[in-house]
PDB file of N, CA and C in Angstrom:
ATOM      1  N   UNK A   1      38.022   0.320  37.281  1.00  0.00           N
ATOM      2  CA  UNK A   1      37.439   1.647  37.496  1.00  0.00           C
ATOM      3  C   UNK A   1      37.054   2.633  36.924  1.00  0.00           C
ATOM      4  N   UNK A   2      38.076   3.100  36.755  1.00  0.00           N
ATOM      5  CA  UNK A   2      38.253   4.158  35.535  1.00  0.00           C
ATOM      6  C   UNK A   2      37.103   4.361  34.210  1.00  0.00           C
ATOM      7  N   UNK A   3      37.475   3.007  33.948  1.00  0.00           N
ATOM      8  CA  UNK A   3      36.681   2.720  32.578  1.00  0.00           C
ATOM      9  C   UNK A   3      35.431   2.783  32.859  1.00  0.00           C
ATOM     10  N   UNK A   4      34.602   2.178  33.941  1.00  0.00           N
ATOM     11  CA  UNK A   4      33.284   2.643  33.931  1.00  0.00           C
ATOM     12  C   UNK A   4      32.870   4.029  33.844  1.00  0.00           C
ATOM     13  N   UNK A   5      33.780   4.628  34.752  1.00  0.00           N
ATOM     14  CA  UNK A   5      33.083   6.295  34.786  1.00  0.00           C
ATOM     15  C   UNK A   5      33.489   6.724  33.699  1.00  0.00           C
ATOM     16  N   UNK A   6      34.486   6.405  32.972  1.00  0.00           N
ATOM     17  CA  UNK A   6      34.272   7.131  31.601  1.00  0.00           C
ATOM     18  C   UNK A   6      32.888   6.998  30.533  1.00  0.00           C
ATOM     19  N   UNK A   7      32.912   5.570  30.986  1.00  0.00           N
ATOM     20  CA  UNK A   7      31.455   5.177  30.310  1.00  0.00           C
ATOM     21  C   UNK A   7      30.159   6.161  30.391  1.00  0.00           C
ATOM     22  N   UNK A   8      30.097   6.260  32.181  1.00  0.00           N
ATOM     23  CA  UNK A   8      29.506   6.733  32.589  1.00  0.00           C
ATOM     24  C   UNK A   8      29.308   8.121  32.291  1.00  0.00           C
ATOM     25  N   UNK A   9      30.133   8.949  32.289  1.00  0.00           N
ATOM     26  CA  UNK A   9      30.272  10.393  32.218  1.00  0.00           C
ATOM     27  C   UNK A   9      29.882  10.503  30.284  1.00  0.00           C
ATOM     28  N   UNK A  10      30.499   9.652  29.708  1.00  0.00           N
ATOM     29  CA  UNK A  10      30.242   9.904  27.948  1.00  0.00           C
ATOM     30  C   UNK A  10      28.956   9.871  28.206  1.00  0.00           C
ATOM     31  N   UNK A  11      28.061   8.662  28.564  1.00  0.00           N
ATOM     32  CA  UNK A  11      26.336   8.498  28.307  1.00  0.00           C
ATOM     33  C   UNK A  11      25.516   9.876  29.393  1.00  0.00           C
ATOM     34  N   UNK A  12      26.242   9.943  30.373  1.00  0.00           N
ATOM     35  CA  UNK A  12      25.256  10.972  31.045  1.00  0.00           C
ATOM     36  C   UNK A  12      25.671  12.076  30.446  1.00  0.00           C
ATOM     37  N   UNK A  13      26.933  12.494  29.856  1.00  0.00           N
ATOM     38  CA  UNK A  13      26.799  13.979  29.298  1.00  0.00           C
ATOM     39  C   UNK A  13      25.887  13.654  27.525  1.00  0.00           C
ATOM     40  N   UNK A  14      25.797  12.684  26.747  1.00  0.00           N
ATOM     41  CA  UNK A  14      25.498  12.976  25.484  1.00  0.00           C
ATOM     42  C   UNK A  14      23.494  12.601  26.137  1.00  0.00           C
ATOM     43  N   UNK A  15      23.323  11.883  26.461  1.00  0.00           N
ATOM     44  CA  UNK A  15      22.219  10.973  27.138  1.00  0.00           C
ATOM     45  C   UNK A  15      21.254  12.205  27.820  1.00  0.00           C
ATOM     46  N   UNK A  16      22.246  12.991  28.506  1.00  0.00           N
ATOM     47  CA  UNK A  16      21.466  14.030  29.969  1.00  0.00           C
ATOM     48  C   UNK A  16      21.088  12.780  30.893  1.00  0.00           C
ATOM     49  N   UNK A  17      21.211  11.430  30.787  1.00  0.00           N
ATOM     50  CA  UNK A  17      20.757  10.723  32.373  1.00  0.00           C
ATOM     51  C   UNK A  17      21.096  10.987  33.309  1.00  0.00           C
ATOM     52  N   UNK A  18      21.099  10.600  34.425  1.00  0.00           N
ATOM     53  CA  UNK A  18      21.464  10.766  35.875  1.00  0.00           C
ATOM     54  C   UNK A  18      22.009   8.931  35.969  1.00  0.00           C
ATOM     55  N   UNK A  19      23.040   9.431  36.821  1.00  0.00           N
ATOM     56  CA  UNK A  19      23.865   8.236  37.135  1.00  0.00           C
ATOM     57  C   UNK A  19      23.241   7.240  37.560  1.00  0.00           C
ATOM     58  N   UNK A  20      21.982   6.831  38.501  1.00  0.00           N
ATOM     59  CA  UNK A  20      20.971   6.067  38.708  1.00  0.00           C
ATOM     60  C   UNK A  20      20.618   4.875  37.319  1.00  0.00           C
ATOM     61  N   UNK A  21      19.900   5.550  36.843  1.00  0.00           N
ATOM     62  CA  UNK A  21      19.523   4.812  35.759  1.00  0.00           C
ATOM     63  C   UNK A  21      20.782   4.431  34.563  1.00  0.00           C
ATOM     64  N   UNK A  22      22.072   4.887  34.495  1.00  0.00           N
ATOM     65  CA  UNK A  22      23.094   4.333  33.813  1.00  0.00           C
ATOM     66  C   UNK A  22      23.818   2.961  34.771  1.00  0.00           C
ATOM     67  N   UNK A  23      23.762   3.407  35.950  1.00  0.00           N
ATOM     68  CA  UNK A  23      24.229   2.032  36.668  1.00  0.00           C
ATOM     69  C   UNK A  23      23.585   1.058  36.874  1.00  0.00           C
ATOM     70  N   UNK A  24      22.301   1.187  36.522  1.00  0.00           N
ATOM     71  CA  UNK A  24      21.319   0.301  36.451  1.00  0.00           C
ATOM     72  C   UNK A  24      21.226  -0.904  35.053  1.00  0.00           C
ATOM     73  N   UNK A  25      21.824  -0.252  34.264  1.00  0.00           N
ATOM     74  CA  UNK A  25      21.950  -1.018  32.617  1.00  0.00           C
ATOM     75  C   UNK A  25      22.928  -2.040  33.207  1.00  0.00           C
ATOM     76  N   UNK A  26      22.701  -3.165  32.512  1.00  0.00           N
ATOM     77  CA  UNK A  26      23.836  -4.407  32.568  1.00  0.00           C
ATOM     78  C   UNK A  26      25.166  -3.535  31.827  1.00  0.00           C
ATOM     79  N   UNK A  27      26.002  -4.408  31.790  1.00  0.00           N
ATOM     80  CA  UNK A  27      27.287  -3.912  31.140  1.00  0.00           C
ATOM     81  C   UNK A  27      27.202  -3.951  29.933  1.00  0.00           C
ATOM     82  N   UNK A  28      26.813  -5.234  29.432  1.00  0.00           N
ATOM     83  CA  UNK A  28      26.886  -5.381  28.232  1.00  0.00           C
ATOM     84  C   UNK A  28      25.740  -4.659  27.072  1.00  0.00           C
ATOM     85  N   UNK A  29      24.581  -3.948  27.888  1.00  0.00           N
ATOM     86  CA  UNK A  29      23.756  -3.314  27.329  1.00  0.00           C
ATOM     87  C   UNK A  29      24.170  -1.667  27.449  1.00  0.00           C
ATOM     88  N   UNK A  30      25.379  -1.368  28.606  1.00  0.00           N
ATOM     89  CA  UNK A  30      25.703  -0.078  28.586  1.00  0.00           C
ATOM     90  C   UNK A  30      26.517  -0.147  27.299  1.00  0.00           C
ATOM     91  N   UNK A  31      27.534  -1.041  27.070  1.00  0.00           N
ATOM     92  CA  UNK A  31      28.282  -0.766  26.292  1.00  0.00           C
ATOM     93  C   UNK A  31      27.511  -0.971  24.521  1.00  0.00           C
ATOM     94  N   UNK A  32      26.952  -1.530  24.516  1.00  0.00           N
ATOM     95  CA  UNK A  32      25.711  -1.698  23.443  1.00  0.00           C
ATOM     96  C   UNK A  32      25.571  -0.005  23.377  1.00  0.00           C
ATOM     97  N   UNK A  33      24.466   0.737  24.157  1.00  0.00           N
ATOM     98  CA  UNK A  33      24.668   2.358  23.947  1.00  0.00           C
ATOM     99  C   UNK A  33      25.586   3.442  23.875  1.00  0.00           C
ATOM    100  N   UNK A  34      27.006   2.978  24.326  1.00  0.00           N
ATOM    101  CA  UNK A  34      28.066   3.152  23.842  1.00  0.00           C
ATOM    102  C   UNK A  34      28.246   3.538  22.619  1.00  0.00           C
ATOM    103  N   UNK A  35      28.485   2.426  22.152  1.00  0.00           N
ATOM    104  CA  UNK A  35      28.579   2.094  20.563  1.00  0.00           C
ATOM    105  C   UNK A  35      27.313   2.783  19.877  1.00  0.00           C
ATOM    106  N   UNK A  36      26.560   3.141  19.815  1.00  0.00           N
ATOM    107  CA  UNK A  36      25.206   3.642  19.099  1.00  0.00           C
ATOM    108  C   UNK A  36      25.824   5.276  19.298  1.00  0.00           C
ATOM    109  N   UNK A  37      26.088   5.377  20.107  1.00  0.00           N
ATOM    110  CA  UNK A  37      26.313   7.044  20.847  1.00  0.00           C
ATOM    111  C   UNK A  37      27.429   7.307  19.871  1.00  0.00           C
ATOM    112  N   UNK A  38      28.152   6.395  20.249  1.00  0.00           N
ATOM    113  CA  UNK A  38      29.602   7.037  19.304  1.00  0.00           C
ATOM    114  C   UNK A  38      29.272   6.780  18.235  1.00  0.00           C
ATOM    115  N   UNK A  39      28.331   6.007  17.370  1.00  0.00           N
ATOM    116  CA  UNK A  39      28.315   5.733  15.662  1.00  0.00           C
ATOM    117  C   UNK A  39      27.436   7.525  15.563  1.00  0.00           C
ATOM    118  N   UNK A  40      26.109   7.670  16.291  1.00  0.00           N
ATOM    119  CA  UNK A  40      25.284   9.271  16.140  1.00  0.00           C
ATOM    120  C   UNK A  40      26.728  10.139  15.780  1.00  0.00           C
ATOM    121  N   UNK A  41      27.531  10.016  16.848  1.00  0.00           N
ATOM    122  CA  UNK A  41      28.634  11.433  17.152  1.00  0.00           C
ATOM    123  C   UNK A  41      29.332  11.244  15.790  1.00  0.00           C
ATOM    124  N   UNK A  42      29.496   9.949  15.443  1.00  0.00           N
ATOM    125  CA  UNK A  42      30.676  10.021  14.241  1.00  0.00           C
ATOM    126  C   UNK A  42      29.841  10.352  13.001  1.00  0.00           C
ATOM    127  N   UNK A  43      28.855   9.667  12.625  1.00  0.00           N
ATOM    128  CA  UNK A  43      27.779  10.207  11.732  1.00  0.00           C
ATOM    129  C   UNK A  43      27.605  12.182  11.850  1.00  0.00           C
ATOM    130  N   UNK A  44      27.317  12.903  12.753  1.00  0.00           N
ATOM    131  CA  UNK A  44      27.170  13.742  13.265  1.00  0.00           C
ATOM    132  C   UNK A  44      28.329  14.714  12.814  1.00  0.00           C
ATOM    133  N   UNK A  45      29.359  14.324  13.382  1.00  0.00           N
ATOM    134  CA  UNK A  45      30.656  14.745  13.025  1.00  0.00           C
ATOM    135  C   UNK A  45      31.259  14.807  11.493  1.00  0.00           C
ATOM    136  N   UNK A  46      30.828  13.857  10.866  1.00  0.00           N
ATOM    137  CA  UNK A  46      31.119  14.226   9.247  1.00  0.00           C
ATOM    138  C   UNK A  46      30.293  14.572   8.734  1.00  0.00           C
ATOM    139  N   UNK A  47      28.850  14.863   8.967  1.00  0.00           N
ATOM    140  CA  UNK A  47      28.500  15.777   8.162  1.00  0.00           C
ATOM    141  C   UNK A  47      28.916  17.485   8.394  1.00  0.00           C
ATOM    142  N   UNK A  48      29.174  17.542   9.657  1.00  0.00           N
ATOM    143  CA  UNK A  48      29.796  19.244   9.755  1.00  0.00           C
ATOM    144  C   UNK A  48      30.766  19.229   9.326  1.00  0.00           C
ATOM    145  N   UNK A  49      32.109  18.204   8.495  1.00  0.00           N
ATOM    146  CA  UNK A  49      33.613  18.033   8.883  1.00  0.00           C
ATOM    147  C   UNK A  49      33.237  17.959   6.649  1.00  0.00           C
ATOM    148  N   UNK A  50      31.593  17.386   6.278  1.00  0.00           N
ATOM    149  CA  UNK A  50      31.743  17.552   5.012  1.00  0.00           C
ATOM    150  C   UNK A  50      32.269  16.116   4.588  1.00  0.00           C
ATOM    151  N   UNK A  51      32.387  14.813   5.420  1.00  0.00           N
ATOM    152  CA  UNK A  51      32.622  13.547   4.700  1.00  0.00           C
ATOM    153  C   UNK A  51      32.007  12.525   4.769  1.00  0.00           C
TER     154      UNK A  51
END
């Protein structure tokens, strides 16, 4: 159950979505969205550190 809350918190923080829209996502869609947001964050971080 903690894993779901971590997923929800991560997406809510980065996407500024409420809990209901996130809970409405299928698990596979939520995982895909997590991966995409993480990729965007990584690319942004690389731009900051020059890597």
